[in-house]
Amino acid sequence: MNLYDLTYQEILKALSKMDATHEIVIEREAFIPEADLIFCRFKGERFNLKYDLNYGPKVEAVGKINRSDLETIERLIIQHHHFSNNNKIK
């Protein structure tokens, strides 16, 4: 599974469920005609998750955040989504 397999709502839900130990904070959401945006911080550094309606999701650096951190963020989103789906009551 990768980030492109998730919907905007699934990504938002996964980000929202992360606890303080992952150091991810959602600051706000914005909606523009071509994309939905989630403005966040990881370990104090800003990043955006852009869900382009044509091309899908992308984690984008804002400021000093590095590629390794962006990859960690993507991995955490996928893990939290997977964990959330495995714990649903059936």
N, C-alpha and C. Protein backbone atom coordinates (compact mmCIF):
# COMPACT_ATOMS: atom_id res chain seq x y z
N MET A 1 0.85 -1.18 0.00
CA MET A 1 0.00 0.00 0.00
C MET A 1 0.89 1.24 0.00
N ASN A 2 0.44 2.26 -0.71
CA ASN A 2 1.14 3.53 -0.64
C ASN A 2 0.12 4.66 -0.49
N LEU A 3 0.63 5.87 -0.38
CA LEU A 3 -0.22 7.03 -0.13
C LEU A 3 -1.28 7.21 -1.22
N TYR A 4 -0.96 6.84 -2.45
CA TYR A 4 -1.88 7.01 -3.57
C TYR A 4 -3.10 6.10 -3.49
N ASP A 5 -3.04 5.09 -2.63
CA ASP A 5 -4.18 4.18 -2.44
C ASP A 5 -5.23 4.75 -1.48
N LEU A 6 -4.93 5.86 -0.82
CA LEU A 6 -5.82 6.41 0.20
C LEU A 6 -6.60 7.61 -0.32
N THR A 7 -7.82 7.76 0.17
CA THR A 7 -8.62 8.94 -0.15
C THR A 7 -8.19 10.10 0.75
N TYR A 8 -8.65 11.29 0.42
CA TYR A 8 -8.37 12.46 1.26
C TYR A 8 -8.86 12.23 2.68
N GLN A 9 -10.07 11.75 2.82
CA GLN A 9 -10.64 11.52 4.15
C GLN A 9 -9.86 10.48 4.94
N GLU A 10 -9.38 9.44 4.28
CA GLU A 10 -8.57 8.41 4.97
C GLU A 10 -7.25 9.00 5.45
N ILE A 11 -6.64 9.85 4.63
CA ILE A 11 -5.39 10.50 5.03
C ILE A 11 -5.63 11.43 6.21
N LEU A 12 -6.67 12.24 6.14
CA LEU A 12 -7.00 13.17 7.23
C LEU A 12 -7.27 12.41 8.51
N LYS A 13 -8.01 11.33 8.44
CA LYS A 13 -8.31 10.51 9.61
C LYS A 13 -7.03 9.91 10.20
N ALA A 14 -6.14 9.41 9.35
CA ALA A 14 -4.88 8.84 9.84
C ALA A 14 -4.03 9.91 10.52
N LEU A 15 -3.95 11.10 9.93
CA LEU A 15 -3.19 12.19 10.55
C LEU A 15 -3.80 12.58 11.89
N SER A 16 -5.12 12.62 11.95
CA SER A 16 -5.82 13.02 13.18
C SER A 16 -5.62 12.03 14.31
N LYS A 17 -5.41 10.76 13.99
CA LYS A 17 -5.28 9.73 15.02
C LYS A 17 -3.86 9.59 15.57
N MET A 18 -2.91 10.27 14.99
CA MET A 18 -1.53 10.17 15.48
C MET A 18 -1.43 10.89 16.82
N ASP A 19 -0.76 10.25 17.76
CA ASP A 19 -0.61 10.86 19.08
C ASP A 19 0.62 11.77 19.09
N ALA A 20 0.82 12.42 20.21
CA ALA A 20 1.89 13.40 20.34
C ALA A 20 3.29 12.81 20.12
N THR A 21 3.47 11.52 20.33
CA THR A 21 4.80 10.93 20.16
C THR A 21 5.28 11.00 18.71
N HIS A 22 4.35 11.11 17.75
CA HIS A 22 4.75 11.22 16.35
C HIS A 22 5.01 12.66 15.93
N GLU A 23 4.68 13.58 16.81
CA GLU A 23 4.98 15.00 16.61
C GLU A 23 4.40 15.58 15.32
N ILE A 24 3.22 15.11 14.92
CA ILE A 24 2.53 15.68 13.77
C ILE A 24 1.31 16.45 14.27
N VAL A 25 1.21 17.70 13.84
CA VAL A 25 0.11 18.56 14.23
C VAL A 25 -0.56 19.08 12.97
N ILE A 26 -1.88 18.91 12.89
CA ILE A 26 -2.65 19.50 11.79
C ILE A 26 -2.98 20.93 12.17
N GLU A 27 -2.57 21.88 11.34
CA GLU A 27 -2.85 23.28 11.63
C GLU A 27 -4.18 23.73 11.04
N ARG A 28 -4.43 23.35 9.78
CA ARG A 28 -5.70 23.73 9.16
C ARG A 28 -5.84 23.02 7.82
N GLU A 29 -7.04 23.12 7.26
CA GLU A 29 -7.32 22.60 5.93
C GLU A 29 -7.71 23.76 5.03
N ALA A 30 -7.47 23.57 3.74
CA ALA A 30 -7.90 24.56 2.75
C ALA A 30 -8.35 23.80 1.50
N PHE A 31 -9.24 24.42 0.78
CA PHE A 31 -9.77 23.79 -0.42
C PHE A 31 -9.68 24.80 -1.56
N ILE A 32 -9.00 24.39 -2.63
CA ILE A 32 -8.89 25.20 -3.83
C ILE A 32 -9.45 24.36 -4.98
N PRO A 33 -9.79 24.96 -6.10
CA PRO A 33 -10.45 24.19 -7.16
C PRO A 33 -9.73 22.92 -7.59
N GLU A 34 -8.41 22.93 -7.62
CA GLU A 34 -7.70 21.76 -8.13
C GLU A 34 -7.18 20.82 -7.05
N ALA A 35 -7.30 21.19 -5.77
CA ALA A 35 -6.73 20.33 -4.72
C ALA A 35 -7.33 20.64 -3.35
N ASP A 36 -7.23 19.65 -2.47
CA ASP A 36 -7.53 19.83 -1.05
C ASP A 36 -6.18 19.83 -0.33
N LEU A 37 -6.02 20.71 0.65
CA LEU A 37 -4.74 20.87 1.33
C LEU A 37 -4.89 20.68 2.83
N ILE A 38 -3.88 20.05 3.43
CA ILE A 38 -3.80 19.94 4.88
C ILE A 38 -2.45 20.54 5.26
N PHE A 39 -2.48 21.61 6.05
CA PHE A 39 -1.26 22.28 6.50
C PHE A 39 -0.88 21.69 7.86
N CYS A 40 0.35 21.20 7.97
CA CYS A 40 0.78 20.47 9.17
C CYS A 40 2.18 20.87 9.61
N ARG A 41 2.54 20.34 10.78
CA ARG A 41 3.91 20.44 11.29
C ARG A 41 4.36 19.05 11.73
N PHE A 42 5.63 18.77 11.50
CA PHE A 42 6.26 17.53 11.95
C PHE A 42 7.54 17.92 12.67
N LYS A 43 7.60 17.61 13.96
CA LYS A 43 8.74 18.01 14.79
C LYS A 43 8.99 19.51 14.69
N GLY A 44 7.90 20.27 14.60
CA GLY A 44 7.98 21.72 14.54
C GLY A 44 8.17 22.30 13.15
N GLU A 45 8.51 21.49 12.17
CA GLU A 45 8.74 21.97 10.81
C GLU A 45 7.48 21.81 9.97
N ARG A 46 7.22 22.79 9.13
CA ARG A 46 5.99 22.79 8.33
C ARG A 46 6.09 21.88 7.12
N PHE A 47 4.96 21.23 6.83
CA PHE A 47 4.78 20.50 5.58
C PHE A 47 3.32 20.57 5.20
N ASN A 48 3.04 20.37 3.93
CA ASN A 48 1.67 20.35 3.44
C ASN A 48 1.39 19.00 2.81
N LEU A 49 0.18 18.54 2.99
CA LEU A 49 -0.28 17.39 2.24
C LEU A 49 -1.26 17.92 1.22
N LYS A 50 -0.89 17.81 -0.04
CA LYS A 50 -1.72 18.30 -1.14
C LYS A 50 -2.38 17.11 -1.80
N TYR A 51 -3.69 17.11 -1.82
CA TYR A 51 -4.43 16.04 -2.48
C TYR A 51 -4.97 16.61 -3.78
N ASP A 52 -4.18 16.49 -4.82
CA ASP A 52 -4.54 16.99 -6.14
C ASP A 52 -5.65 16.11 -6.71
N LEU A 53 -6.71 16.74 -7.19
CA LEU A 53 -7.86 15.99 -7.65
C LEU A 53 -7.57 15.20 -8.94
N ASN A 54 -6.52 15.56 -9.65
CA ASN A 54 -6.13 14.82 -10.86
C ASN A 54 -4.99 13.84 -10.60
N TYR A 55 -4.05 14.19 -9.73
CA TYR A 55 -2.83 13.40 -9.57
C TYR A 55 -2.70 12.67 -8.23
N GLY A 56 -3.60 12.92 -7.30
CA GLY A 56 -3.55 12.24 -6.02
C GLY A 56 -2.74 12.98 -4.98
N PRO A 57 -2.42 12.30 -3.86
CA PRO A 57 -1.78 12.95 -2.72
C PRO A 57 -0.27 13.11 -2.89
N LYS A 58 0.24 14.15 -2.24
CA LYS A 58 1.68 14.39 -2.22
C LYS A 58 2.03 15.15 -0.95
N VAL A 59 3.05 14.68 -0.24
CA VAL A 59 3.55 15.39 0.93
C VAL A 59 4.63 16.34 0.44
N GLU A 60 4.46 17.65 0.75
CA GLU A 60 5.37 18.66 0.24
C GLU A 60 6.06 19.39 1.38
N ALA A 61 7.35 19.61 1.21
CA ALA A 61 8.14 20.35 2.20
C ALA A 61 7.80 21.83 2.17
N VAL A 62 7.78 22.43 3.34
CA VAL A 62 7.66 23.87 3.49
C VAL A 62 8.74 24.25 4.49
N GLY A 63 9.74 24.95 4.05
CA GLY A 63 10.82 25.32 4.96
C GLY A 63 11.92 24.27 5.02
N LYS A 64 12.37 23.96 6.23
CA LYS A 64 13.58 23.17 6.44
C LYS A 64 13.37 21.66 6.52
N ILE A 65 12.17 21.17 6.37
CA ILE A 65 11.93 19.73 6.50
C ILE A 65 12.66 18.98 5.38
N ASN A 66 13.25 17.83 5.71
CA ASN A 66 14.05 17.11 4.72
C ASN A 66 13.29 15.93 4.11
N ARG A 67 13.85 15.34 3.06
CA ARG A 67 13.20 14.24 2.34
C ARG A 67 12.97 13.03 3.24
N SER A 68 13.92 12.75 4.12
CA SER A 68 13.78 11.62 5.04
C SER A 68 12.55 11.80 5.94
N ASP A 69 12.34 13.02 6.42
CA ASP A 69 11.17 13.31 7.25
C ASP A 69 9.88 13.16 6.45
N LEU A 70 9.89 13.60 5.19
CA LEU A 70 8.71 13.45 4.34
C LEU A 70 8.37 11.97 4.12
N GLU A 71 9.39 11.15 3.94
CA GLU A 71 9.17 9.71 3.77
C GLU A 71 8.63 9.10 5.07
N THR A 72 9.13 9.57 6.21
CA THR A 72 8.63 9.11 7.51
C THR A 72 7.16 9.47 7.67
N ILE A 73 6.79 10.68 7.29
CA ILE A 73 5.40 11.13 7.38
C ILE A 73 4.50 10.23 6.53
N GLU A 74 4.90 9.96 5.30
CA GLU A 74 4.11 9.09 4.43
C GLU A 74 3.94 7.71 5.05
N ARG A 75 5.02 7.17 5.58
CA ARG A 75 4.98 5.83 6.21
C ARG A 75 4.04 5.84 7.41
N LEU A 76 4.09 6.89 8.23
CA LEU A 76 3.22 6.98 9.40
C LEU A 76 1.75 7.06 9.01
N ILE A 77 1.44 7.82 7.97
CA ILE A 77 0.06 7.93 7.50
C ILE A 77 -0.46 6.55 7.09
N ILE A 78 0.34 5.84 6.31
CA ILE A 78 -0.06 4.51 5.84
C ILE A 78 -0.23 3.55 7.02
N GLN A 79 0.72 3.58 7.96
CA GLN A 79 0.64 2.70 9.13
C GLN A 79 -0.61 2.99 9.96
N HIS A 80 -0.90 4.26 10.19
CA HIS A 80 -2.07 4.61 11.00
C HIS A 80 -3.38 4.28 10.29
N HIS A 81 -3.39 4.42 8.98
CA HIS A 81 -4.57 4.02 8.22
C HIS A 81 -4.77 2.52 8.34
N HIS A 82 -3.71 1.77 8.14
CA HIS A 82 -3.77 0.30 8.21
C HIS A 82 -4.20 -0.15 9.61
N PHE A 83 -3.61 0.46 10.64
CA PHE A 83 -3.95 0.11 12.02
C PHE A 83 -5.42 0.42 12.31
N SER A 84 -5.90 1.55 11.83
CA SER A 84 -7.28 1.96 12.04
C SER A 84 -8.25 0.97 11.37
N ASN A 85 -7.93 0.53 10.17
CA ASN A 85 -8.80 -0.41 9.46
C ASN A 85 -8.79 -1.80 10.10
N ASN A 86 -7.67 -2.20 10.67
CA ASN A 86 -7.59 -3.52 11.30
C ASN A 86 -8.30 -3.57 12.65
N ASN A 87 -8.60 -2.41 13.23
CA ASN A 87 -9.25 -2.38 14.54
C ASN A 87 -10.73 -2.06 14.47
N LYS A 88 -11.31 -2.05 13.30
CA LYS A 88 -12.75 -1.80 13.18
C LYS A 88 -13.52 -3.01 13.70
N ILE A 89 -14.64 -2.72 14.35
CA ILE A 89 -15.51 -3.79 14.82
C ILE A 89 -16.26 -4.35 13.63
N LYS A 90 -16.25 -5.66 13.50
CA LYS A 90 -16.92 -6.29 12.37
C LYS A 90 -18.21 -6.95 12.81
